[in-house]
């Protein structure tokens, strides 16, 4: 679907039907977004939750589990989410396609939401020891 829409795809997933641990796909995907090798990431697991937890451990990543078009649009418009986590066992292929289309066309609206994202980034910096009150400054 993505290549048909003209997107270049960097596949960080498995090529096997064997069991696969979600951090093994989440971390390389999120690192690609983190260093601007990719504009956005799309991750799948059974519920989307494991991928979301893993993805949100990566500094600068704002991953959202989305089950419908409305939460997808709001994750992008209000939260500037940069990684989409989809619950492959819970939604069908058609809904998945619609969610991905909404994800790709929706842009961050900024404004009052920027203040909130700044607070998140500042907290991440403190946790990483990069700002005031961080572990390196104690």
N, C-alpha and C. Protein backbone atom coordinates (compact mmCIF):
# COMPACT_ATOMS: atom_id res chain seq x y z
N UNK A 1 0.82 -1.19 0.00
CA UNK A 1 0.00 0.00 0.00
C UNK A 1 0.87 1.26 0.00
N UNK A 2 1.88 1.28 0.85
CA UNK A 2 2.73 2.46 0.98
C UNK A 2 3.52 2.73 -0.30
N UNK A 3 4.09 1.71 -0.87
CA UNK A 3 4.84 1.92 -2.11
C UNK A 3 3.91 2.32 -3.25
N UNK A 4 2.70 1.78 -3.27
CA UNK A 4 1.72 2.16 -4.29
C UNK A 4 1.34 3.63 -4.17
N UNK A 5 1.40 4.17 -2.95
CA UNK A 5 1.11 5.59 -2.73
C UNK A 5 2.34 6.48 -2.96
N UNK A 6 3.47 5.85 -3.32
CA UNK A 6 4.66 6.62 -3.63
C UNK A 6 5.64 6.80 -2.49
N UNK A 7 5.41 6.09 -1.39
CA UNK A 7 6.31 6.21 -0.24
C UNK A 7 7.45 5.21 -0.36
N UNK A 8 8.61 5.63 0.11
CA UNK A 8 9.76 4.73 0.22
C UNK A 8 9.64 4.03 1.58
N UNK A 9 9.81 2.74 1.61
CA UNK A 9 9.62 1.96 2.83
C UNK A 9 10.95 1.39 3.30
N UNK A 10 11.25 1.62 4.56
CA UNK A 10 12.39 1.01 5.22
C UNK A 10 11.82 -0.05 6.15
N UNK A 11 11.97 -1.31 5.81
CA UNK A 11 11.36 -2.40 6.56
C UNK A 11 12.30 -2.85 7.67
N UNK A 12 11.89 -2.64 8.91
CA UNK A 12 12.70 -3.04 10.07
C UNK A 12 12.11 -4.26 10.77
N UNK A 13 11.20 -4.93 10.11
CA UNK A 13 10.51 -6.06 10.74
C UNK A 13 11.12 -7.39 10.41
N UNK A 14 10.37 -8.38 10.70
CA UNK A 14 10.79 -9.75 10.48
C UNK A 14 10.41 -10.20 9.07
N UNK A 15 11.09 -11.19 8.58
CA UNK A 15 10.72 -11.80 7.31
C UNK A 15 10.42 -13.28 7.51
N UNK A 16 9.99 -13.61 8.73
CA UNK A 16 9.74 -14.99 9.10
C UNK A 16 8.43 -15.09 9.87
N UNK A 17 7.74 -16.20 9.76
CA UNK A 17 6.52 -16.40 10.55
C UNK A 17 6.81 -16.79 12.01
N UNK A 18 8.07 -16.95 12.34
CA UNK A 18 8.46 -17.32 13.71
C UNK A 18 8.15 -16.19 14.68
N UNK A 19 8.05 -16.53 15.95
CA UNK A 19 7.82 -15.52 16.99
C UNK A 19 8.90 -14.45 16.90
N UNK A 20 8.49 -13.22 17.18
CA UNK A 20 9.36 -12.06 17.02
C UNK A 20 9.09 -11.13 18.19
N UNK A 21 10.13 -10.64 18.82
CA UNK A 21 9.97 -9.74 19.96
C UNK A 21 9.82 -8.31 19.47
N UNK A 22 8.77 -7.63 19.95
CA UNK A 22 8.49 -6.28 19.43
C UNK A 22 9.62 -5.29 19.61
N UNK A 23 10.44 -5.33 20.65
CA UNK A 23 11.55 -4.37 20.70
C UNK A 23 12.51 -4.50 19.52
N UNK A 24 12.60 -5.71 18.95
CA UNK A 24 13.52 -5.94 17.83
C UNK A 24 13.12 -5.18 16.57
N UNK A 25 11.85 -4.83 16.45
CA UNK A 25 11.40 -3.99 15.33
C UNK A 25 11.23 -2.54 15.77
N UNK A 26 10.77 -2.34 17.00
CA UNK A 26 10.49 -0.98 17.48
C UNK A 26 11.75 -0.13 17.54
N UNK A 27 12.83 -0.67 18.10
CA UNK A 27 14.03 0.16 18.28
C UNK A 27 14.66 0.60 16.97
N UNK A 28 14.88 -0.27 15.99
CA UNK A 28 15.47 0.24 14.74
C UNK A 28 14.53 1.18 14.00
N UNK A 29 13.24 0.93 14.07
CA UNK A 29 12.28 1.83 13.43
C UNK A 29 12.35 3.21 14.07
N UNK A 30 12.32 3.25 15.39
CA UNK A 30 12.32 4.53 16.11
C UNK A 30 13.65 5.25 15.97
N UNK A 31 14.73 4.51 15.93
CA UNK A 31 16.03 5.15 15.72
C UNK A 31 16.08 5.80 14.34
N UNK A 32 15.46 5.18 13.33
CA UNK A 32 15.42 5.77 12.00
C UNK A 32 14.63 7.08 12.02
N UNK A 33 13.54 7.13 12.78
CA UNK A 33 12.77 8.36 12.91
C UNK A 33 13.57 9.39 13.71
N UNK A 34 14.21 8.94 14.77
CA UNK A 34 14.98 9.82 15.66
C UNK A 34 16.08 10.57 14.90
N UNK A 35 16.74 9.92 13.98
CA UNK A 35 17.85 10.56 13.25
C UNK A 35 17.42 11.06 11.87
N UNK A 36 16.11 11.13 11.64
CA UNK A 36 15.53 11.64 10.39
C UNK A 36 15.88 10.82 9.16
N UNK A 37 16.17 9.54 9.37
CA UNK A 37 16.33 8.62 8.24
C UNK A 37 14.95 8.25 7.71
N UNK A 38 13.93 8.40 8.56
CA UNK A 38 12.54 8.17 8.19
C UNK A 38 11.70 9.30 8.78
N UNK A 39 10.67 9.70 8.06
CA UNK A 39 9.78 10.76 8.54
C UNK A 39 8.86 10.27 9.65
N UNK A 40 8.46 9.03 9.57
CA UNK A 40 7.53 8.45 10.52
C UNK A 40 7.75 6.95 10.56
N UNK A 41 7.21 6.31 11.60
CA UNK A 41 7.29 4.87 11.71
C UNK A 41 5.90 4.29 11.88
N UNK A 42 5.73 3.09 11.37
CA UNK A 42 4.48 2.35 11.55
C UNK A 42 4.86 0.98 12.07
N UNK A 43 4.34 0.64 13.24
CA UNK A 43 4.67 -0.61 13.90
C UNK A 43 3.40 -1.44 14.13
N UNK A 44 3.52 -2.75 14.01
CA UNK A 44 2.42 -3.66 14.24
C UNK A 44 2.80 -4.68 15.30
N UNK A 45 1.87 -4.97 16.18
CA UNK A 45 1.94 -6.16 17.01
C UNK A 45 0.51 -6.57 17.32
N UNK A 46 0.30 -7.57 18.11
CA UNK A 46 -1.05 -8.07 18.36
C UNK A 46 -2.00 -7.00 18.84
N UNK A 47 -1.61 -6.26 19.88
CA UNK A 47 -2.47 -5.22 20.44
C UNK A 47 -1.96 -3.81 20.15
N UNK A 48 -0.73 -3.69 19.71
CA UNK A 48 -0.10 -2.38 19.52
C UNK A 48 0.56 -1.88 20.80
N UNK A 49 0.22 -2.46 21.92
CA UNK A 49 0.69 -1.96 23.21
C UNK A 49 2.18 -2.24 23.42
N UNK A 50 2.62 -3.45 23.14
CA UNK A 50 4.03 -3.78 23.31
C UNK A 50 4.92 -2.91 22.44
N UNK A 51 4.50 -2.68 21.20
CA UNK A 51 5.25 -1.81 20.31
C UNK A 51 5.28 -0.38 20.85
N UNK A 52 4.13 0.07 21.34
CA UNK A 52 4.04 1.43 21.87
C UNK A 52 4.95 1.62 23.07
N UNK A 53 4.93 0.67 23.99
CA UNK A 53 5.79 0.76 25.17
C UNK A 53 7.26 0.81 24.75
N UNK A 54 7.64 -0.08 23.84
CA UNK A 54 9.03 -0.11 23.37
C UNK A 54 9.39 1.19 22.66
N UNK A 55 8.54 1.62 21.76
CA UNK A 55 8.83 2.82 20.96
C UNK A 55 8.97 4.06 21.84
N UNK A 56 8.14 4.17 22.85
CA UNK A 56 8.17 5.36 23.69
C UNK A 56 9.36 5.39 24.65
N UNK A 57 10.18 4.36 24.65
CA UNK A 57 11.44 4.38 25.40
C UNK A 57 12.53 5.13 24.65
N UNK A 58 12.31 5.37 23.36
CA UNK A 58 13.31 6.03 22.53
C UNK A 58 13.08 7.54 22.62
N UNK A 59 14.11 8.25 23.02
CA UNK A 59 14.03 9.70 23.21
C UNK A 59 13.54 10.38 21.93
N UNK A 60 12.56 11.24 22.08
CA UNK A 60 12.03 11.99 20.95
C UNK A 60 10.91 11.29 20.19
N UNK A 61 10.62 10.08 20.59
CA UNK A 61 9.54 9.34 19.92
C UNK A 61 8.24 9.56 20.68
N UNK A 62 7.21 9.82 19.91
CA UNK A 62 5.86 9.95 20.45
C UNK A 62 5.01 8.93 19.70
N UNK A 63 4.93 7.72 20.26
CA UNK A 63 4.21 6.63 19.61
C UNK A 63 2.79 6.55 20.16
N UNK A 64 1.85 6.30 19.27
CA UNK A 64 0.44 6.21 19.65
C UNK A 64 -0.17 4.92 19.12
N UNK A 65 -0.88 4.21 20.00
CA UNK A 65 -1.68 3.07 19.56
C UNK A 65 -3.00 3.63 19.07
N UNK A 66 -3.34 3.32 17.84
CA UNK A 66 -4.58 3.85 17.25
C UNK A 66 -5.46 2.70 16.77
N UNK A 67 -6.74 2.81 17.13
CA UNK A 67 -7.71 1.78 16.76
C UNK A 67 -8.74 2.27 15.75
N UNK A 68 -8.73 3.56 15.45
CA UNK A 68 -9.71 4.13 14.52
C UNK A 68 -9.15 5.41 13.92
N UNK A 69 -9.89 5.97 12.97
CA UNK A 69 -9.44 7.16 12.26
C UNK A 69 -9.39 8.40 13.17
N UNK A 70 -10.33 8.50 14.12
CA UNK A 70 -10.40 9.69 14.98
C UNK A 70 -9.18 9.77 15.89
N UNK A 71 -8.85 8.66 16.58
CA UNK A 71 -7.68 8.71 17.46
C UNK A 71 -6.40 8.91 16.66
N UNK A 72 -6.39 8.39 15.46
CA UNK A 72 -5.22 8.58 14.59
C UNK A 72 -5.04 10.04 14.24
N UNK A 73 -6.11 10.68 13.81
CA UNK A 73 -6.03 12.09 13.44
C UNK A 73 -5.63 12.95 14.64
N UNK A 74 -6.20 12.68 15.80
CA UNK A 74 -5.87 13.48 16.98
C UNK A 74 -4.45 13.23 17.46
N UNK A 75 -3.97 12.00 17.33
CA UNK A 75 -2.58 11.71 17.72
C UNK A 75 -1.61 12.54 16.90
N UNK A 76 -1.93 12.74 15.64
CA UNK A 76 -1.07 13.55 14.77
C UNK A 76 -1.28 15.04 15.00
N UNK A 77 -2.54 15.49 14.98
CA UNK A 77 -2.85 16.92 15.09
C UNK A 77 -2.48 17.49 16.44
N UNK A 78 -2.78 16.79 17.52
CA UNK A 78 -2.59 17.33 18.86
C UNK A 78 -1.29 16.90 19.52
N UNK A 79 -0.82 15.69 19.24
CA UNK A 79 0.35 15.16 19.92
C UNK A 79 1.59 15.07 19.04
N UNK A 80 1.46 15.42 17.79
CA UNK A 80 2.56 15.31 16.83
C UNK A 80 3.22 13.94 16.92
N UNK A 81 2.38 12.91 17.08
CA UNK A 81 2.90 11.54 17.16
C UNK A 81 3.69 11.24 15.90
N UNK A 82 4.84 10.61 16.08
CA UNK A 82 5.69 10.31 14.93
C UNK A 82 5.83 8.81 14.67
N UNK A 83 5.21 7.99 15.51
CA UNK A 83 5.19 6.55 15.28
C UNK A 83 3.77 6.04 15.55
N UNK A 84 3.23 5.35 14.59
CA UNK A 84 1.91 4.75 14.68
C UNK A 84 2.06 3.28 15.07
N UNK A 85 1.35 2.87 16.11
CA UNK A 85 1.36 1.47 16.54
C UNK A 85 -0.03 0.89 16.29
N UNK A 86 -0.07 -0.16 15.51
CA UNK A 86 -1.34 -0.75 15.13
C UNK A 86 -1.56 -2.12 15.75
N UNK A 87 -2.80 -2.38 16.21
CA UNK A 87 -3.14 -3.66 16.82
C UNK A 87 -3.58 -4.66 15.75
N UNK A 88 -2.64 -5.38 15.19
CA UNK A 88 -2.90 -6.26 14.05
C UNK A 88 -3.93 -7.34 14.36
N UNK A 89 -4.03 -7.79 15.61
CA UNK A 89 -4.99 -8.84 15.96
C UNK A 89 -6.39 -8.29 16.23
N UNK A 90 -6.53 -6.98 16.29
CA UNK A 90 -7.81 -6.40 16.72
C UNK A 90 -8.56 -5.65 15.63
N UNK A 91 -7.87 -5.25 14.58
CA UNK A 91 -8.54 -4.52 13.49
C UNK A 91 -8.25 -5.22 12.18
N UNK A 92 -9.14 -5.09 11.26
CA UNK A 92 -8.99 -5.74 9.96
C UNK A 92 -8.13 -4.95 9.00
N UNK A 93 -7.91 -5.55 7.84
CA UNK A 93 -7.05 -4.95 6.83
C UNK A 93 -7.62 -3.63 6.30
N UNK A 94 -8.91 -3.55 6.08
CA UNK A 94 -9.51 -2.32 5.54
C UNK A 94 -9.38 -1.16 6.52
N UNK A 95 -9.67 -1.41 7.81
CA UNK A 95 -9.52 -0.36 8.81
C UNK A 95 -8.05 0.04 8.95
N UNK A 96 -7.17 -0.91 8.88
CA UNK A 96 -5.73 -0.61 8.93
C UNK A 96 -5.36 0.34 7.80
N UNK A 97 -5.84 0.08 6.60
CA UNK A 97 -5.55 0.95 5.46
C UNK A 97 -6.08 2.37 5.69
N UNK A 98 -7.30 2.47 6.20
CA UNK A 98 -7.88 3.80 6.44
C UNK A 98 -7.09 4.55 7.52
N UNK A 99 -6.69 3.84 8.57
CA UNK A 99 -5.91 4.48 9.63
C UNK A 99 -4.58 4.99 9.08
N UNK A 100 -3.91 4.18 8.29
CA UNK A 100 -2.62 4.58 7.72
C UNK A 100 -2.80 5.78 6.79
N UNK A 101 -3.86 5.81 6.00
CA UNK A 101 -4.11 6.96 5.13
C UNK A 101 -4.31 8.23 5.95
N UNK A 102 -5.08 8.16 7.03
CA UNK A 102 -5.29 9.32 7.90
C UNK A 102 -3.97 9.74 8.52
N UNK A 103 -3.19 8.77 8.98
CA UNK A 103 -1.89 9.04 9.59
C UNK A 103 -0.99 9.83 8.65
N UNK A 104 -0.94 9.41 7.41
CA UNK A 104 -0.03 10.02 6.45
C UNK A 104 -0.48 11.42 5.99
N UNK A 105 -1.76 11.69 6.00
CA UNK A 105 -2.24 12.98 5.50
C UNK A 105 -2.40 14.04 6.60
N UNK A 106 -2.43 13.63 7.87
CA UNK A 106 -2.69 14.57 8.95
C UNK A 106 -1.40 15.23 9.42
N UNK A 107 -1.47 16.52 9.65
CA UNK A 107 -0.31 17.30 10.10
C UNK A 107 -0.55 17.86 11.49
N UNK A 108 0.52 18.11 12.21
CA UNK A 108 0.48 18.70 13.55
C UNK A 108 -0.04 20.13 13.44
N UNK A 109 -0.98 20.49 14.30
CA UNK A 109 -1.54 21.84 14.23
C UNK A 109 -0.81 22.85 15.09
N UNK A 110 0.11 22.41 15.94
CA UNK A 110 0.90 23.35 16.73
C UNK A 110 0.08 24.07 17.77
N UNK A 111 0.33 25.37 17.92
CA UNK A 111 -0.41 26.18 18.87
C UNK A 111 -0.24 25.70 20.30
N UNK A 112 -1.35 25.60 21.02
CA UNK A 112 -1.31 25.22 22.43
C UNK A 112 -0.67 23.86 22.67
N UNK A 113 -0.65 23.03 21.65
CA UNK A 113 -0.09 21.69 21.80
C UNK A 113 1.43 21.70 21.87
N UNK A 114 2.05 22.73 21.30
CA UNK A 114 3.51 22.83 21.31
C UNK A 114 4.05 22.93 22.74
N UNK A 115 3.35 23.67 23.59
CA UNK A 115 3.77 23.81 24.99
C UNK A 115 3.84 22.44 25.67
N UNK A 116 2.88 21.62 25.42
CA UNK A 116 2.83 20.29 26.04
C UNK A 116 3.97 19.40 25.53
N UNK A 117 4.23 19.48 24.26
CA UNK A 117 5.31 18.67 23.70
C UNK A 117 6.67 19.14 24.20
N UNK A 118 6.80 20.45 24.40
CA UNK A 118 8.04 21.00 24.97
C UNK A 118 8.26 20.43 26.37
N UNK A 119 7.20 20.34 27.18
CA UNK A 119 7.32 19.78 28.52
C UNK A 119 7.77 18.32 28.48
N UNK A 120 7.25 17.58 27.55
CA UNK A 120 7.66 16.18 27.40
C UNK A 120 9.13 16.10 27.03
N UNK A 121 9.55 16.93 26.07
CA UNK A 121 10.95 16.93 25.63
C UNK A 121 11.88 17.36 26.77
N UNK A 122 11.46 18.35 27.55
CA UNK A 122 12.28 18.78 28.68
C UNK A 122 12.43 17.67 29.71
N UNK A 123 11.36 16.94 29.97
CA UNK A 123 11.44 15.83 30.90
C UNK A 123 12.38 14.74 30.37
N UNK A 124 12.28 14.43 29.08
CA UNK A 124 13.19 13.46 28.48
C UNK A 124 14.64 13.91 28.63
N UNK A 125 14.89 15.19 28.41
CA UNK A 125 16.25 15.73 28.56
C UNK A 125 16.74 15.57 30.00
N UNK A 126 15.89 15.88 30.96
CA UNK A 126 16.28 15.72 32.38
C UNK A 126 16.58 14.26 32.69
N UNK A 127 15.75 13.37 32.20
CA UNK A 127 15.97 11.94 32.44
C UNK A 127 17.28 11.46 31.83
N UNK A 128 17.64 12.05 30.70
CA UNK A 128 18.88 11.67 30.02
C UNK A 128 20.09 12.40 30.57
N UNK A 129 19.84 13.29 31.55
CA UNK A 129 20.95 14.05 32.12
C UNK A 129 21.40 15.19 31.25
N UNK A 130 20.55 15.65 30.38
CA UNK A 130 20.93 16.70 29.43
C UNK A 130 20.44 18.08 29.82
N UNK A 131 19.69 18.18 30.90
CA UNK A 131 19.16 19.48 31.27
C UNK A 131 19.23 19.69 32.76
N UNK A 132 18.68 20.81 33.23
CA UNK A 132 18.66 21.10 34.66
C UNK A 132 17.99 19.98 35.44
N UNK A 133 18.55 19.67 36.58
CA UNK A 133 18.00 18.65 37.47
C UNK A 133 18.14 17.24 36.96
N UNK A 134 18.82 17.05 35.83
CA UNK A 134 19.01 15.70 35.30
C UNK A 134 19.99 14.91 36.14
N UNK A 135 20.04 13.58 35.94
CA UNK A 135 20.94 12.73 36.74
C UNK A 135 22.40 13.18 36.71
N UNK A 136 22.86 13.71 35.58
CA UNK A 136 24.26 14.13 35.47
C UNK A 136 24.55 15.38 36.30
N UNK A 137 23.50 16.10 36.67
CA UNK A 137 23.69 17.35 37.40
C UNK A 137 23.40 17.21 38.90
N UNK A 138 23.25 16.02 39.37
CA UNK A 138 22.95 15.83 40.80
C UNK A 138 24.21 15.66 41.59
